[in-house]
């Protein structure tokens, strides 16, 4: 045990950022990624891999992917109230755990989908259409640039099965691929759209809000049944504008807003200073835009567990 503890400490220091980023992409939830990472290292303590801590990554990845797939299977069996959204990830830092990813050699890796895109809301929501195995294969091969052999070894399946699963996963992502827009190309447009959206909301100008939205705009809210939130996606500029207009007129004066970079795009976090039964005390709003700068998606997360990793403006400051 005396020799194992330093090895585990070394392994954690070397691999935890990579593993956390992989687990976040697999589960779409920071709290779940924390749990999967913890369980992975608990199993490493119970059954120490061969070699020193630096060489444990293949073993750790295999365990983490198995645990993460179990999390996804349990999620699909459970009834979730309302739409499910990924938990917001703060990407203000230069290289936060969710973005940074390196191979064992220390060389940064980016595959078919770059590391920033692979934590975006659009990408993570698209992954929800995949089976747990498809999701694992796609992430390892198309984000982390694993070979077929490395992916098969990491997941404990044959290389032929890996190839078939990869093909099916790519087919399931075809709708996303046809509409995808580089995250970095969207950042300035989203920042400008948010500024105009908040100005219109503050002026209680519902028509100005509506003009900022595309004809096929969708607003999705995740309250997990914990707070009042739309139980179904809201479609169309008139309905989306009215939904946010009503919230704005009711709670704008008791809100503290801060711009934040979440999941690679400019976003807003909100701390509400009023307290009403069923009303969320906090929220995170993320947006995407079309090339003409109009908003086509608004994602709002208010579920407490989904917001556990974010910092919020303090009340009364």
C-alpha atoms as a PDB file:
ATOM      1  CA  UNK A   1       0.000   0.000   0.000  1.00  0.00           C
ATOM      2  CA  UNK A   2       2.882   2.366   0.767  1.00  0.00           C
ATOM      3  CA  UNK A   3       4.137   2.009  -2.825  1.00  0.00           C
ATOM      4  CA  UNK A   4       0.624   2.191  -4.306  1.00  0.00           C
ATOM      5  CA  UNK A   5      -0.324   5.551  -2.825  1.00  0.00           C
ATOM      6  CA  UNK A   6       2.465   7.537  -4.547  1.00  0.00           C
ATOM      7  CA  UNK A   7       1.640   5.726  -7.814  1.00  0.00           C
ATOM      8  CA  UNK A   8      -2.032   6.670  -7.533  1.00  0.00           C
ATOM      9  CA  UNK A   9      -1.163  10.266  -6.707  1.00  0.00           C
ATOM     10  CA  UNK A  10       1.116  10.359  -9.744  1.00  0.00           C
ATOM     11  CA  UNK A  11      -1.596   8.847 -11.952  1.00  0.00           C
ATOM     12  CA  UNK A  12      -4.191  11.332 -10.744  1.00  0.00           C
ATOM     13  CA  UNK A  13      -1.882  14.274 -11.350  1.00  0.00           C
ATOM     14  CA  UNK A  14      -0.976  13.019 -14.826  1.00  0.00           C
ATOM     15  CA  UNK A  15      -4.348  11.884 -16.145  1.00  0.00           C
ATOM     16  CA  UNK A  16      -7.236  13.503 -14.267  1.00  0.00           C
ATOM     17  CA  UNK A  17      -7.675  16.507 -16.585  1.00  0.00           C
ATOM     18  CA  UNK A  18      -7.807  14.321 -19.694  1.00  0.00           C
ATOM     19  CA  UNK A  19     -10.161  11.841 -18.034  1.00  0.00           C
ATOM     20  CA  UNK A  20     -12.474  14.546 -16.697  1.00  0.00           C
ATOM     21  CA  UNK A  21     -12.782  16.107 -20.157  1.00  0.00           C
ATOM     22  CA  UNK A  22     -13.549  12.705 -21.673  1.00  0.00           C
ATOM     23  CA  UNK A  23     -16.123  11.916 -18.971  1.00  0.00           C
ATOM     24  CA  UNK A  24     -17.808  15.309 -19.359  1.00  0.00           C
ATOM     25  CA  UNK A  25     -18.228  14.742 -23.089  1.00  0.00           C
ATOM     26  CA  UNK A  26     -19.509  11.225 -22.466  1.00  0.00           C
ATOM     27  CA  UNK A  27     -22.099  12.208 -19.874  1.00  0.00           C
ATOM     28  CA  UNK A  28     -22.738  15.857 -20.776  1.00  0.00           C
ATOM     29  CA  UNK A  29     -22.846  16.657 -17.070  1.00  0.00           C
ATOM     30  CA  UNK A  30     -20.050  18.080 -14.901  1.00  0.00           C
ATOM     31  CA  UNK A  31     -21.434  16.448 -11.732  1.00  0.00           C
ATOM     32  CA  UNK A  32     -21.580  13.074 -13.478  1.00  0.00           C
ATOM     33  CA  UNK A  33     -18.040  13.566 -14.781  1.00  0.00           C
ATOM     34  CA  UNK A  34     -16.895  14.189 -11.193  1.00  0.00           C
ATOM     35  CA  UNK A  35     -18.606  10.982 -10.046  1.00  0.00           C
ATOM     36  CA  UNK A  36     -17.190   8.897 -12.899  1.00  0.00           C
ATOM     37  CA  UNK A  37     -13.683  10.209 -12.297  1.00  0.00           C
ATOM     38  CA  UNK A  38     -13.928   9.449  -8.578  1.00  0.00           C
ATOM     39  CA  UNK A  39     -15.221   5.926  -9.219  1.00  0.00           C
ATOM     40  CA  UNK A  40     -12.434   5.311 -11.735  1.00  0.00           C
ATOM     41  CA  UNK A  41      -9.717   6.123  -9.209  1.00  0.00           C
ATOM     42  CA  UNK A  42     -11.503   4.182  -6.463  1.00  0.00           C
ATOM     43  CA  UNK A  43     -11.290   1.128  -8.712  1.00  0.00           C
ATOM     44  CA  UNK A  44      -7.632   1.889  -9.362  1.00  0.00           C
ATOM     45  CA  UNK A  45      -7.051   1.820  -5.594  1.00  0.00           C
ATOM     46  CA  UNK A  46      -8.880  -1.493  -5.325  1.00  0.00           C
ATOM     47  CA  UNK A  47      -7.066  -3.093  -8.247  1.00  0.00           C
ATOM     48  CA  UNK A  48      -3.805  -1.293  -8.980  1.00  0.00           C
ATOM     49  CA  UNK A  49      -2.851  -1.375 -12.698  1.00  0.00           C
ATOM     50  CA  UNK A  50       0.553  -2.564 -13.807  1.00  0.00           C
ATOM     51  CA  UNK A  51       3.448  -0.119 -14.183  1.00  0.00           C
ATOM     52  CA  UNK A  52       3.889   3.354 -12.775  1.00  0.00           C
ATOM     53  CA  UNK A  53       1.195   6.044 -12.713  1.00  0.00           C
ATOM     54  CA  UNK A  54       2.336   7.585 -15.978  1.00  0.00           C
ATOM     55  CA  UNK A  55       1.515   4.398 -17.908  1.00  0.00           C
ATOM     56  CA  UNK A  56      -2.003   3.869 -16.555  1.00  0.00           C
ATOM     57  CA  UNK A  57      -3.961   5.899 -19.097  1.00  0.00           C
ATOM     58  CA  UNK A  58      -5.254   2.986 -21.267  1.00  0.00           C
ATOM     59  CA  UNK A  59      -6.492   1.173 -18.144  1.00  0.00           C
ATOM     60  CA  UNK A  60      -8.032   4.324 -16.664  1.00  0.00           C
ATOM     61  CA  UNK A  61      -9.755   5.224 -19.942  1.00  0.00           C
ATOM     62  CA  UNK A  62     -11.255   1.740 -20.192  1.00  0.00           C
ATOM     63  CA  UNK A  63     -12.614   1.872 -16.644  1.00  0.00           C
ATOM     64  CA  UNK A  64     -13.892   5.455 -17.038  1.00  0.00           C
ATOM     65  CA  UNK A  65     -15.687   4.638 -20.289  1.00  0.00           C
ATOM     66  CA  UNK A  66     -17.352   1.589 -18.739  1.00  0.00           C
ATOM     67  CA  UNK A  67     -18.533   3.610 -15.742  1.00  0.00           C
ATOM     68  CA  UNK A  68     -19.703   6.488 -17.975  1.00  0.00           C
ATOM     69  CA  UNK A  69     -21.661   4.105 -20.196  1.00  0.00           C
ATOM     70  CA  UNK A  70     -23.395   2.737 -17.103  1.00  0.00           C
ATOM     71  CA  UNK A  71     -24.336   6.326 -16.163  1.00  0.00           C
ATOM     72  CA  UNK A  72     -25.838   6.879 -19.627  1.00  0.00           C
ATOM     73  CA  UNK A  73     -27.789   3.615 -19.507  1.00  0.00           C
ATOM     74  CA  UNK A  74     -29.250   4.508 -16.106  1.00  0.00           C
ATOM     75  CA  UNK A  75     -30.188   7.965 -17.387  1.00  0.00           C
ATOM     76  CA  UNK A  76     -32.091   6.493 -20.327  1.00  0.00           C
ATOM     77  CA  UNK A  77     -34.035   4.183 -17.985  1.00  0.00           C
ATOM     78  CA  UNK A  78     -35.052   7.001 -15.658  1.00  0.00           C
ATOM     79  CA  UNK A  79     -37.874   9.411 -16.415  1.00  0.00           C
ATOM     80  CA  UNK A  80     -36.495  12.934 -16.776  1.00  0.00           C
ATOM     81  CA  UNK A  81     -38.976  15.751 -16.361  1.00  0.00           C
ATOM     82  CA  UNK A  82     -38.791  18.136 -19.297  1.00  0.00           C
ATOM     83  CA  UNK A  83     -35.957  18.480 -21.827  1.00  0.00           C
ATOM     84  CA  UNK A  84     -32.498  17.294 -20.839  1.00  0.00           C
ATOM     85  CA  UNK A  85     -29.625  19.713 -21.486  1.00  0.00           C
ATOM     86  CA  UNK A  86     -25.883  19.439 -20.810  1.00  0.00           C
ATOM     87  CA  UNK A  87     -24.602  21.179 -17.710  1.00  0.00           C
ATOM     88  CA  UNK A  88     -22.893  24.506 -18.499  1.00  0.00           C
ATOM     89  CA  UNK A  89     -19.102  24.375 -18.495  1.00  0.00           C
ATOM     90  CA  UNK A  90     -17.083  27.503 -17.761  1.00  0.00           C
ATOM     91  CA  UNK A  91     -14.542  27.886 -20.577  1.00  0.00           C
ATOM     92  CA  UNK A  92     -13.171  31.293 -19.542  1.00  0.00           C
ATOM     93  CA  UNK A  93      -9.803  29.836 -18.619  1.00  0.00           C
ATOM     94  CA  UNK A  94      -7.148  29.377 -21.250  1.00  0.00           C
ATOM     95  CA  UNK A  95      -7.193  25.604 -20.874  1.00  0.00           C
ATOM     96  CA  UNK A  96      -9.943  24.425 -18.499  1.00  0.00           C
ATOM     97  CA  UNK A  97     -10.245  20.675 -17.808  1.00  0.00           C
ATOM     98  CA  UNK A  98     -13.119  20.278 -20.244  1.00  0.00           C
ATOM     99  CA  UNK A  99     -11.093  21.629 -23.166  1.00  0.00           C
ATOM    100  CA  UNK A 100      -7.572  20.475 -22.542  1.00  0.00           C
ATOM    101  CA  UNK A 101      -6.803  17.038 -23.924  1.00  0.00           C
ATOM    102  CA  UNK A 102      -3.455  15.449 -24.559  1.00  0.00           C
ATOM    103  CA  UNK A 103      -2.188  12.085 -25.626  1.00  0.00           C
ATOM    104  CA  UNK A 104       0.191  10.167 -23.403  1.00  0.00           C
ATOM    105  CA  UNK A 105       3.085  11.828 -25.221  1.00  0.00           C
ATOM    106  CA  UNK A 106       1.820  15.247 -24.118  1.00  0.00           C
ATOM    107  CA  UNK A 107       0.911  16.261 -27.685  1.00  0.00           C
ATOM    108  CA  UNK A 108      -2.449  17.996 -28.022  1.00  0.00           C
ATOM    109  CA  UNK A 109      -4.977  16.055 -30.059  1.00  0.00           C
ATOM    110  CA  UNK A 110      -7.902  17.243 -32.128  1.00  0.00           C
ATOM    111  CA  UNK A 111      -9.780  15.039 -34.549  1.00  0.00           C
ATOM    112  CA  UNK A 112     -12.791  15.430 -36.827  1.00  0.00           C
ATOM    113  CA  UNK A 113     -14.401  17.673 -34.190  1.00  0.00           C
ATOM    114  CA  UNK A 114     -12.071  20.074 -32.424  1.00  0.00           C
ATOM    115  CA  UNK A 115     -11.924  20.181 -28.655  1.00  0.00           C
ATOM    116  CA  UNK A 116     -13.908  23.399 -28.298  1.00  0.00           C
ATOM    117  CA  UNK A 117     -16.684  22.256 -30.617  1.00  0.00           C
ATOM    118  CA  UNK A 118     -16.948  18.963 -28.723  1.00  0.00           C
ATOM    119  CA  UNK A 119     -18.071  20.744 -25.535  1.00  0.00           C
ATOM    120  CA  UNK A 120     -20.559  23.002 -27.335  1.00  0.00           C
ATOM    121  CA  UNK A 121     -24.257  22.641 -26.553  1.00  0.00           C
ATOM    122  CA  UNK A 122     -25.081  21.805 -30.161  1.00  0.00           C
ATOM    123  CA  UNK A 123     -22.559  18.954 -30.237  1.00  0.00           C
ATOM    124  CA  UNK A 124     -23.428  17.537 -26.809  1.00  0.00           C
ATOM    125  CA  UNK A 125     -27.146  17.655 -27.584  1.00  0.00           C
ATOM    126  CA  UNK A 126     -26.509  15.849 -30.880  1.00  0.00           C
ATOM    127  CA  UNK A 127     -24.668  13.093 -28.990  1.00  0.00           C
ATOM    128  CA  UNK A 128     -27.887  12.307 -27.105  1.00  0.00           C
ATOM    129  CA  UNK A 129     -29.172  10.521 -30.231  1.00  0.00           C
ATOM    130  CA  UNK A 130     -26.335   7.981 -29.986  1.00  0.00           C
ATOM    131  CA  UNK A 131     -26.192   4.801 -27.941  1.00  0.00           C
ATOM    132  CA  UNK A 132     -23.614   4.808 -25.113  1.00  0.00           C
ATOM    133  CA  UNK A 133     -21.249   2.659 -27.186  1.00  0.00           C
ATOM    134  CA  UNK A 134     -21.668   4.829 -30.288  1.00  0.00           C
ATOM    135  CA  UNK A 135     -21.011   7.899 -28.190  1.00  0.00           C
ATOM    136  CA  UNK A 136     -17.832   6.391 -26.748  1.00  0.00           C
ATOM    137  CA  UNK A 137     -16.500   5.323 -30.141  1.00  0.00           C
ATOM    138  CA  UNK A 138     -17.274   8.658 -31.782  1.00  0.00           C
ATOM    139  CA  UNK A 139     -15.595  10.633 -29.004  1.00  0.00           C
ATOM    140  CA  UNK A 140     -12.472   8.510 -28.920  1.00  0.00           C
ATOM    141  CA  UNK A 141     -12.007   8.422 -32.694  1.00  0.00           C
ATOM    142  CA  UNK A 142     -13.401  11.752 -33.895  1.00  0.00           C
ATOM    143  CA  UNK A 143     -12.493  14.021 -30.983  1.00  0.00           C
ATOM    144  CA  UNK A 144      -9.501  12.415 -29.297  1.00  0.00           C
ATOM    145  CA  UNK A 145      -8.048  10.945 -32.494  1.00  0.00           C
ATOM    146  CA  UNK A 146      -7.772   7.368 -31.264  1.00  0.00           C
ATOM    147  CA  UNK A 147      -7.083   4.704 -33.880  1.00  0.00           C
ATOM    148  CA  UNK A 148      -9.471   1.793 -34.448  1.00  0.00           C
ATOM    149  CA  UNK A 149      -7.124  -0.474 -32.499  1.00  0.00           C
ATOM    150  CA  UNK A 150      -6.805   1.961 -29.566  1.00  0.00           C
ATOM    151  CA  UNK A 151     -10.570   2.493 -29.455  1.00  0.00           C
ATOM    152  CA  UNK A 152     -11.298  -1.238 -29.531  1.00  0.00           C
ATOM    153  CA  UNK A 153      -8.825  -1.802 -26.686  1.00  0.00           C
ATOM    154  CA  UNK A 154     -10.265   1.068 -24.648  1.00  0.00           C
ATOM    155  CA  UNK A 155     -13.816  -0.266 -24.941  1.00  0.00           C
ATOM    156  CA  UNK A 156     -13.080  -3.988 -24.846  1.00  0.00           C
ATOM    157  CA  UNK A 157     -14.665  -4.715 -28.226  1.00  0.00           C
ATOM    158  CA  UNK A 158     -13.350  -6.077 -31.512  1.00  0.00           C
ATOM    159  CA  UNK A 159     -11.870  -3.844 -34.191  1.00  0.00           C
ATOM    160  CA  UNK A 160     -14.587  -4.885 -36.664  1.00  0.00           C
ATOM    161  CA  UNK A 161     -17.269  -3.984 -34.112  1.00  0.00           C
ATOM    162  CA  UNK A 162     -15.535  -0.657 -33.541  1.00  0.00           C
ATOM    163  CA  UNK A 163     -15.636   0.150 -37.260  1.00  0.00           C
ATOM    164  CA  UNK A 164     -19.338  -0.727 -37.583  1.00  0.00           C
ATOM    165  CA  UNK A 165     -20.221   1.277 -34.449  1.00  0.00           C
ATOM    166  CA  UNK A 166     -18.211   4.249 -35.710  1.00  0.00           C
ATOM    167  CA  UNK A 167     -20.027   4.196 -39.044  1.00  0.00           C
ATOM    168  CA  UNK A 168     -23.426   4.116 -37.337  1.00  0.00           C
ATOM    169  CA  UNK A 169     -22.429   6.900 -34.972  1.00  0.00           C
ATOM    170  CA  UNK A 170     -21.379   9.128 -37.881  1.00  0.00           C
ATOM    171  CA  UNK A 171     -24.655   8.428 -39.639  1.00  0.00           C
ATOM    172  CA  UNK A 172     -26.544   9.417 -36.491  1.00  0.00           C
ATOM    173  CA  UNK A 173     -24.584  12.684 -36.445  1.00  0.00           C
ATOM    174  CA  UNK A 174     -25.313  13.522 -40.095  1.00  0.00           C
ATOM    175  CA  UNK A 175     -27.976  16.142 -39.315  1.00  0.00           C
ATOM    176  CA  UNK A 176     -25.607  17.885 -36.913  1.00  0.00           C
ATOM    177  CA  UNK A 177     -22.745  17.686 -39.409  1.00  0.00           C
ATOM    178  CA  UNK A 178     -24.790  19.263 -42.195  1.00  0.00           C
ATOM    179  CA  UNK A 179     -25.689  22.274 -40.040  1.00  0.00           C
ATOM    180  CA  UNK A 180     -22.560  22.656 -37.930  1.00  0.00           C
ATOM    181  CA  UNK A 181     -20.868  26.021 -37.657  1.00  0.00           C
ATOM    182  CA  UNK A 182     -17.366  26.495 -36.187  1.00  0.00           C
ATOM    183  CA  UNK A 183     -17.686  27.636 -32.582  1.00  0.00           C
ATOM    184  CA  UNK A 184     -14.922  30.229 -32.843  1.00  0.00           C
ATOM    185  CA  UNK A 185     -16.544  31.703 -35.967  1.00  0.00           C
ATOM    186  CA  UNK A 186     -19.783  32.125 -34.035  1.00  0.00           C
ATOM    187  CA  UNK A 187     -18.386  33.851 -30.932  1.00  0.00           C
ATOM    188  CA  UNK A 188     -18.548  37.475 -32.126  1.00  0.00           C
ATOM    189  CA  UNK A 189     -22.023  36.988 -33.610  1.00  0.00           C
ATOM    190  CA  UNK A 190     -23.322  35.454 -30.389  1.00  0.00           C
ATOM    191  CA  UNK A 191     -21.786  38.206 -28.263  1.00  0.00           C
ATOM    192  CA  UNK A 192     -23.485  40.883 -30.391  1.00  0.00           C
ATOM    193  CA  UNK A 193     -26.808  39.029 -30.420  1.00  0.00           C
ATOM    194  CA  UNK A 194     -26.779  38.659 -26.622  1.00  0.00           C
ATOM    195  CA  UNK A 195     -26.128  42.383 -26.174  1.00  0.00           C
ATOM    196  CA  UNK A 196     -29.075  43.234 -28.420  1.00  0.00           C
ATOM    197  CA  UNK A 197     -31.276  40.605 -26.778  1.00  0.00           C
ATOM    198  CA  UNK A 198     -30.582  41.948 -23.281  1.00  0.00           C
ATOM    199  CA  UNK A 199     -31.127  45.536 -24.414  1.00  0.00           C
ATOM    200  CA  UNK A 200     -34.503  44.625 -25.898  1.00  0.00           C
ATOM    201  CA  UNK A 201     -35.418  42.633 -22.795  1.00  0.00           C
ATOM    202  CA  UNK A 202     -34.495  45.533 -20.518  1.00  0.00           C
ATOM    203  CA  UNK A 203     -36.581  47.903 -22.640  1.00  0.00           C
ATOM    204  CA  UNK A 204     -39.472  45.403 -22.530  1.00  0.00           C
ATOM    205  CA  UNK A 205     -39.604  45.565 -26.322  1.00  0.00           C
ATOM    206  CA  UNK A 206     -41.059  42.241 -27.402  1.00  0.00           C
ATOM    207  CA  UNK A 207     -40.986  43.174 -31.101  1.00  0.00           C
ATOM    208  CA  UNK A 208     -37.248  43.927 -30.925  1.00  0.00           C
ATOM    209  CA  UNK A 209     -36.686  40.539 -29.288  1.00  0.00           C
ATOM    210  CA  UNK A 210     -38.658  38.803 -32.006  1.00  0.00           C
ATOM    211  CA  UNK A 211     -36.623  40.474 -34.768  1.00  0.00           C
ATOM    212  CA  UNK A 212     -33.435  38.972 -33.319  1.00  0.00           C
ATOM    213  CA  UNK A 213     -34.767  35.424 -33.760  1.00  0.00           C
ATOM    214  CA  UNK A 214     -34.778  33.136 -36.784  1.00  0.00           C
ATOM    215  CA  UNK A 215     -38.023  31.712 -38.140  1.00  0.00           C
ATOM    216  CA  UNK A 216     -37.070  28.255 -36.844  1.00  0.00           C
ATOM    217  CA  UNK A 217     -35.738  29.387 -33.453  1.00  0.00           C
ATOM    218  CA  UNK A 218     -36.096  26.939 -30.565  1.00  0.00           C
ATOM    219  CA  UNK A 219     -35.862  27.698 -26.835  1.00  0.00           C
ATOM    220  CA  UNK A 220     -35.086  24.739 -24.565  1.00  0.00           C
ATOM    221  CA  UNK A 221     -35.230  24.875 -20.765  1.00  0.00           C
ATOM    222  CA  UNK A 222     -33.889  22.299 -18.304  1.00  0.00           C
ATOM    223  CA  UNK A 223     -35.421  22.516 -14.832  1.00  0.00           C
ATOM    224  CA  UNK A 224     -35.434  18.744 -14.162  1.00  0.00           C
ATOM    225  CA  UNK A 225     -38.868  19.168 -12.570  1.00  0.00           C
ATOM    226  CA  UNK A 226     -37.240  21.093  -9.725  1.00  0.00           C
ATOM    227  CA  UNK A 227     -38.433  24.558 -10.771  1.00  0.00           C
ATOM    228  CA  UNK A 228     -40.966  26.099 -13.089  1.00  0.00           C
ATOM    229  CA  UNK A 229     -39.605  25.700 -16.603  1.00  0.00           C
ATOM    230  CA  UNK A 230     -40.998  24.935 -20.034  1.00  0.00           C
ATOM    231  CA  UNK A 231     -41.606  21.174 -20.130  1.00  0.00           C
ATOM    232  CA  UNK A 232     -41.299  21.125 -23.922  1.00  0.00           C
ATOM    233  CA  UNK A 233     -39.118  23.029 -26.407  1.00  0.00           C
ATOM    234  CA  UNK A 234     -40.685  26.309 -27.557  1.00  0.00           C
ATOM    235  CA  UNK A 235     -40.700  26.875 -31.317  1.00  0.00           C
ATOM    236  CA  UNK A 236     -41.025  30.015 -33.408  1.00  0.00           C
ATOM    237  CA  UNK A 237     -39.998  33.649 -32.887  1.00  0.00           C
ATOM    238  CA  UNK A 238     -43.342  34.878 -31.550  1.00  0.00           C
ATOM    239  CA  UNK A 239     -43.609  32.190 -28.852  1.00  0.00           C
ATOM    240  CA  UNK A 240     -39.917  32.306 -27.907  1.00  0.00           C
ATOM    241  CA  UNK A 241     -39.980  36.110 -27.646  1.00  0.00           C
ATOM    242  CA  UNK A 242     -43.147  36.041 -25.529  1.00  0.00           C
ATOM    243  CA  UNK A 243     -41.711  33.390 -23.193  1.00  0.00           C
ATOM    244  CA  UNK A 244     -38.593  35.437 -22.416  1.00  0.00           C
ATOM    245  CA  UNK A 245     -40.518  38.721 -22.367  1.00  0.00           C
ATOM    246  CA  UNK A 246     -42.806  37.393 -19.606  1.00  0.00           C
ATOM    247  CA  UNK A 247     -39.864  36.200 -17.510  1.00  0.00           C
ATOM    248  CA  UNK A 248     -38.020  39.475 -18.088  1.00  0.00           C
ATOM    249  CA  UNK A 249     -40.924  41.693 -17.048  1.00  0.00           C
ATOM    250  CA  UNK A 250     -41.499  39.593 -13.932  1.00  0.00           C
ATOM    251  CA  UNK A 251     -37.920  39.139 -12.689  1.00  0.00           C
ATOM    252  CA  UNK A 252     -35.636  41.597 -14.522  1.00  0.00           C
ATOM    253  CA  UNK A 253     -35.512  44.080 -11.636  1.00  0.00           C
ATOM    254  CA  UNK A 254     -34.471  41.367  -9.180  1.00  0.00           C
ATOM    255  CA  UNK A 255     -31.730  39.877 -11.366  1.00  0.00           C
ATOM    256  CA  UNK A 256     -27.975  40.174 -11.541  1.00  0.00           C
ATOM    257  CA  UNK A 257     -26.545  39.237 -14.924  1.00  0.00           C
ATOM    258  CA  UNK A 258     -22.948  38.456 -15.805  1.00  0.00           C
ATOM    259  CA  UNK A 259     -21.527  37.653 -19.225  1.00  0.00           C
ATOM    260  CA  UNK A 260     -19.610  34.409 -19.220  1.00  0.00           C
ATOM    261  CA  UNK A 261     -17.941  32.115 -21.729  1.00  0.00           C
ATOM    262  CA  UNK A 262     -19.744  28.783 -21.386  1.00  0.00           C
ATOM    263  CA  UNK A 263     -19.135  25.746 -23.569  1.00  0.00           C
ATOM    264  CA  UNK A 264     -17.047  27.847 -25.929  1.00  0.00           C
ATOM    265  CA  UNK A 265     -19.592  30.606 -26.577  1.00  0.00           C
ATOM    266  CA  UNK A 266     -20.563  33.909 -24.930  1.00  0.00           C
ATOM    267  CA  UNK A 267     -23.406  33.243 -22.483  1.00  0.00           C
ATOM    268  CA  UNK A 268     -25.165  34.743 -19.473  1.00  0.00           C
ATOM    269  CA  UNK A 269     -25.393  33.591 -15.869  1.00  0.00           C
ATOM    270  CA  UNK A 270     -28.156  35.030 -13.701  1.00  0.00           C
ATOM    271  CA  UNK A 271     -28.585  35.305  -9.938  1.00  0.00           C
ATOM    272  CA  UNK A 272     -32.135  36.209  -8.877  1.00  0.00           C
ATOM    273  CA  UNK A 273     -32.370  38.221  -5.669  1.00  0.00           C
ATOM    274  CA  UNK A 274     -36.097  37.624  -5.163  1.00  0.00           C
ATOM    275  CA  UNK A 275     -37.434  34.359  -3.791  1.00  0.00           C
ATOM    276  CA  UNK A 276     -40.684  32.804  -4.977  1.00  0.00           C
ATOM    277  CA  UNK A 277     -41.856  29.207  -4.534  1.00  0.00           C
ATOM    278  CA  UNK A 278     -41.027  27.184  -7.627  1.00  0.00           C
ATOM    279  CA  UNK A 279     -38.966  29.957  -9.212  1.00  0.00           C
ATOM    280  CA  UNK A 280     -35.293  29.156  -9.864  1.00  0.00           C
ATOM    281  CA  UNK A 281     -32.716  31.196  -7.921  1.00  0.00           C
ATOM    282  CA  UNK A 282     -30.141  30.870 -10.690  1.00  0.00           C
ATOM    283  CA  UNK A 283     -29.954  30.306 -14.414  1.00  0.00           C
ATOM    284  CA  UNK A 284     -27.463  29.930 -17.225  1.00  0.00           C
ATOM    285  CA  UNK A 285     -28.461  30.988 -20.745  1.00  0.00           C
ATOM    286  CA  UNK A 286     -26.542  29.933 -23.835  1.00  0.00           C
ATOM    287  CA  UNK A 287     -27.206  30.927 -27.447  1.00  0.00           C
ATOM    288  CA  UNK A 288     -26.284  29.948 -30.980  1.00  0.00           C
ATOM    289  CA  UNK A 289     -26.666  32.055 -34.109  1.00  0.00           C
ATOM    290  CA  UNK A 290     -26.916  31.638 -37.850  1.00  0.00           C
ATOM    291  CA  UNK A 291     -24.365  33.250 -40.207  1.00  0.00           C
ATOM    292  CA  UNK A 292     -26.597  36.333 -40.507  1.00  0.00           C
ATOM    293  CA  UNK A 293     -26.259  36.901 -36.740  1.00  0.00           C
ATOM    294  CA  UNK A 294     -29.775  35.964 -35.678  1.00  0.00           C
ATOM    295  CA  UNK A 295     -30.443  33.665 -32.723  1.00  0.00           C
ATOM    296  CA  UNK A 296     -31.629  30.165 -33.618  1.00  0.00           C
ATOM    297  CA  UNK A 297     -31.235  28.388 -30.258  1.00  0.00           C
ATOM    298  CA  UNK A 298     -31.600  29.510 -26.651  1.00  0.00           C
ATOM    299  CA  UNK A 299     -30.636  26.984 -23.987  1.00  0.00           C
ATOM    300  CA  UNK A 300     -31.638  27.753 -20.388  1.00  0.00           C
ATOM    301  CA  UNK A 301     -30.466  25.605 -17.492  1.00  0.00           C
ATOM    302  CA  UNK A 302     -31.912  26.148 -14.001  1.00  0.00           C
ATOM    303  CA  UNK A 303     -31.602  22.649 -12.465  1.00  0.00           C
ATOM    304  CA  UNK A 304     -29.441  22.915  -9.349  1.00  0.00           C
ATOM    305  CA  UNK A 305     -27.236  19.886 -10.059  1.00  0.00           C
ATOM    306  CA  UNK A 306     -26.481  21.111 -13.559  1.00  0.00           C
ATOM    307  CA  UNK A 307     -25.263  24.471 -12.205  1.00  0.00           C
ATOM    308  CA  UNK A 308     -23.103  23.103  -9.387  1.00  0.00           C
ATOM    309  CA  UNK A 309     -19.787  23.797 -11.127  1.00  0.00           C
ATOM    310  CA  UNK A 310     -20.509  27.449 -12.030  1.00  0.00           C
ATOM    311  CA  UNK A 311     -19.805  30.584 -10.024  1.00  0.00           C
ATOM    312  CA  UNK A 312     -22.566  33.194  -9.896  1.00  0.00           C
ATOM    313  CA  UNK A 313     -22.703  36.902  -9.090  1.00  0.00           C
ATOM    314  CA  UNK A 314     -23.230  37.244  -5.309  1.00  0.00           C
ATOM    315  CA  UNK A 315     -26.610  38.375  -4.083  1.00  0.00           C
ATOM    316  CA  UNK A 316     -26.816  41.966  -2.960  1.00  0.00           C
ATOM    317  CA  UNK A 317     -23.472  42.982  -4.533  1.00  0.00           C
END
